[in-house]
Amino acid sequence: MIEKLLHKSEEKRSELLQVLDALTDEEFTEKPKASEWSVSQVINHLIDAENSTMGYISKKLQGGINLKDSGVKSQLNSTALKLALKSNKRFKAPSVLREPANKPKEKSLKTWNKTREMLAELFMNIEPVLLKKEIFKHPVAGYLNAEQTLHFINDHMSHHEKQIIRIIQSINND
């Protein structure tokens, strides 16, 4: 199941990368308003979130078999998180993440590619006995297992894809 979720995530990311490829570097870094994020900042937010997630999981996996089994509460957390991210509601980024950098397109996408390689390697190397353990604590939703965490990563990207489309429309209308 992990491999399937990673593949699905990369397919979705490829679709988003096609949208990003059409942008100039100026469009990629342009903010619609001074108080709003650029496409670059949204992508770098995704990178920061994925890196934070990997760091947390790597640390938790050192505890190995001593991790708690995920259960009904983790499933409820995951479902609530999925519903929130699928809504059109805007959320403030958790305080554990800083305001993302506004980096050039090539640098941002190169970093995201590397992050995704490391993410896939981390998840593919989780021992099967640990897949149903609570390996990640989302800052708002709480504990998730490996599959639930990958669902979060995918839903998080889809949530921000809508934001990216709004930003592109906004800068093209000005």
Protein backbone atom coordinates (compact mmCIF):
# COMPACT_ATOMS: atom_id res chain seq x y z
CA MET A 1 0.00 0.00 0.00
CA ILE A 2 2.87 2.41 0.76
CA GLU A 3 4.29 2.00 -2.73
CA LYS A 4 0.86 2.65 -4.26
CA LEU A 5 0.38 5.83 -2.19
CA LEU A 6 3.85 7.09 -3.13
CA HIS A 7 3.10 6.43 -6.81
CA LYS A 8 -0.24 8.25 -6.56
CA SER A 9 1.49 11.18 -4.90
CA GLU A 10 4.08 11.42 -7.65
CA GLU A 11 1.38 11.28 -10.34
CA LYS A 12 -0.44 14.17 -8.64
CA ARG A 13 2.81 16.09 -8.23
CA SER A 14 3.62 15.58 -11.94
CA GLU A 15 0.32 17.23 -12.84
CA LEU A 16 1.18 20.17 -10.60
CA LEU A 17 4.69 20.39 -12.06
CA GLN A 18 3.17 20.75 -15.54
CA VAL A 19 1.27 23.81 -14.31
CA LEU A 20 4.44 25.21 -12.74
CA ASP A 21 6.50 24.60 -15.89
CA ALA A 22 4.32 27.11 -17.73
CA LEU A 23 5.25 29.89 -15.30
CA THR A 24 8.12 32.28 -15.80
CA ASP A 25 10.48 32.74 -12.87
CA GLU A 26 8.90 36.16 -12.31
CA GLU A 27 5.39 34.66 -12.15
CA PHE A 28 6.67 31.92 -9.85
CA THR A 29 7.96 34.44 -7.30
CA GLU A 30 5.34 37.20 -7.73
CA LYS A 31 3.01 37.84 -4.80
CA PRO A 32 -0.58 38.77 -5.73
CA LYS A 33 -0.57 41.14 -2.73
CA ALA A 34 2.16 42.03 -0.27
CA SER A 35 0.40 40.05 2.47
CA GLU A 36 -0.09 36.91 0.34
CA TRP A 37 2.25 34.11 -0.65
CA SER A 38 3.76 33.61 -4.08
CA VAL A 39 3.67 30.24 -5.88
CA SER A 40 7.29 29.84 -4.80
CA GLN A 41 6.36 30.28 -1.16
CA VAL A 42 3.57 27.70 -1.45
CA ILE A 43 5.97 25.17 -3.01
CA ASN A 44 8.59 25.93 -0.37
CA HIS A 45 5.92 25.50 2.32
CA LEU A 46 5.22 22.02 0.91
CA ILE A 47 8.96 21.28 0.96
CA ASP A 48 9.28 22.53 4.55
CA ALA A 49 6.26 20.48 5.66
CA GLU A 50 7.57 17.33 3.97
CA ASN A 51 11.03 17.82 5.47
CA SER A 52 9.55 18.37 8.95
CA THR A 53 7.42 15.26 8.53
CA MET A 54 10.45 13.19 7.52
CA GLY A 55 12.49 14.52 10.44
CA TYR A 56 9.76 13.64 12.91
CA ILE A 57 9.27 10.16 11.44
CA SER A 58 13.01 9.45 11.37
CA LYS A 59 13.24 10.31 15.04
CA LYS A 60 10.16 8.25 15.96
CA LEU A 61 11.39 5.21 14.04
CA GLN A 62 14.41 5.06 16.33
CA GLY A 63 11.95 3.95 19.01
CA GLY A 64 10.89 1.10 16.71
CA ILE A 65 8.71 -1.56 18.23
CA ASN A 66 8.03 0.59 21.31
CA LEU A 67 5.77 2.88 19.27
CA LYS A 68 2.05 2.80 19.99
CA ASP A 69 -0.26 1.01 17.58
CA SER A 70 -2.53 3.36 15.66
CA GLY A 71 -6.20 2.80 16.23
CA VAL A 72 -9.60 4.42 16.00
CA LYS A 73 -8.33 7.80 17.23
CA SER A 74 -5.64 7.90 14.53
CA GLN A 75 -8.25 7.02 11.91
CA LEU A 76 -10.53 9.80 13.17
CA ASN A 77 -7.59 12.23 13.16
CA SER A 78 -6.75 11.23 9.59
CA THR A 79 -10.34 11.55 8.39
CA ALA A 80 -10.81 14.97 10.03
CA LEU A 81 -7.55 16.17 8.49
CA LYS A 82 -8.58 14.88 5.04
CA LEU A 83 -11.95 16.67 5.25
CA ALA A 84 -10.34 19.91 6.41
CA LEU A 85 -7.80 19.88 3.59
CA LYS A 86 -10.45 19.07 0.98
CA SER A 87 -12.53 22.05 2.08
CA ASN A 88 -12.00 25.49 0.60
CA LYS A 89 -11.17 26.85 4.03
CA ARG A 90 -7.86 28.62 4.42
CA PHE A 91 -5.64 27.68 7.35
CA LYS A 92 -2.73 29.39 9.00
CA ALA A 93 0.42 27.29 8.71
CA PRO A 94 1.34 25.63 12.03
CA SER A 95 3.82 27.66 14.06
CA VAL A 96 6.41 24.87 13.78
CA LEU A 97 6.82 25.97 10.14
CA ARG A 98 8.36 29.34 9.42
CA GLU A 99 7.22 31.64 6.61
CA PRO A 100 8.51 29.95 3.46
CA ALA A 101 11.26 31.41 1.34
CA ASN A 102 10.50 33.01 -2.04
CA LYS A 103 13.17 31.19 -4.06
CA PRO A 104 13.60 31.03 -7.85
CA LYS A 105 11.67 28.33 -9.68
CA GLU A 106 14.59 26.13 -10.71
CA LYS A 107 16.06 26.06 -7.21
CA SER A 108 12.68 25.36 -5.58
CA LEU A 109 11.76 22.55 -7.94
CA LYS A 110 15.21 20.97 -7.67
CA THR A 111 14.88 21.01 -3.88
CA TRP A 112 11.38 19.52 -4.06
CA ASN A 113 12.61 16.71 -6.32
CA LYS A 114 15.36 15.86 -3.83
CA THR A 115 12.93 16.05 -0.90
CA ARG A 116 10.55 13.67 -2.68
CA GLU A 117 13.36 11.19 -3.35
CA MET A 118 14.22 11.18 0.35
CA LEU A 119 10.53 10.89 1.29
CA ALA A 120 10.06 7.84 -0.93
CA GLU A 121 13.23 6.24 0.45
CA LEU A 122 12.13 6.84 4.04
CA PHE A 123 8.68 5.33 3.55
CA MET A 124 9.89 2.38 1.46
CA ASN A 125 12.35 1.48 4.21
CA ILE A 126 9.88 1.45 7.09
CA GLU A 127 9.76 -2.07 8.48
CA PRO A 128 6.35 -3.66 7.79
CA VAL A 129 5.79 -4.25 11.52
CA LEU A 130 5.96 -0.45 12.04
CA LEU A 131 3.52 0.59 9.30
CA LYS A 132 0.52 0.61 11.66
CA LYS A 133 2.36 2.38 14.47
CA GLU A 134 1.89 6.06 15.34
CA ILE A 135 4.93 7.46 13.54
CA PHE A 136 3.90 11.07 12.90
CA LYS A 137 2.20 13.71 15.02
CA HIS A 138 0.48 16.33 12.91
CA PRO A 139 0.61 19.68 14.76
CA VAL A 140 -3.19 19.98 14.75
CA ALA A 141 -4.67 16.55 13.98
CA GLY A 142 -2.47 14.41 16.22
CA TYR A 143 -0.94 10.98 15.67
CA LEU A 144 -1.02 9.16 12.31
CA ASN A 145 0.44 5.91 11.00
CA ALA A 146 2.51 5.64 7.79
CA GLU A 147 -0.43 5.29 5.37
CA GLN A 148 -2.35 8.08 7.07
CA THR A 149 0.73 10.28 6.90
CA LEU A 150 1.09 9.69 3.16
CA HIS A 151 -2.60 10.50 2.71
CA PHE A 152 -1.96 13.74 4.60
CA ILE A 153 1.01 14.61 2.36
CA ASN A 154 -1.12 13.99 -0.74
CA ASP A 155 -4.13 15.90 0.59
CA HIS A 156 -1.88 18.75 1.72
CA MET A 157 -0.42 19.05 -1.77
CA SER A 158 -3.90 18.99 -3.35
CA HIS A 159 -5.08 21.65 -0.89
CA HIS A 160 -2.21 23.91 -1.90
CA GLU A 161 -2.67 23.17 -5.59
CA LYS A 162 -5.97 25.08 -5.34
CA GLN A 163 -4.08 27.96 -3.73
CA ILE A 164 -1.49 27.92 -6.52
CA ILE A 165 -4.24 28.10 -9.16
CA ARG A 166 -5.80 31.09 -7.33
CA ILE A 167 -2.41 32.83 -7.21
CA ILE A 168 -1.76 32.26 -10.92
CA GLN A 169 -5.22 33.55 -11.82
CA SER A 170 -4.71 36.59 -9.60
CA ILE A 171 -1.31 37.56 -11.07
CA ASN A 172 -2.57 36.98 -14.62
CA ASN A 173 -5.59 39.24 -14.03
CA ASP A 174 -3.47 42.17 -12.85
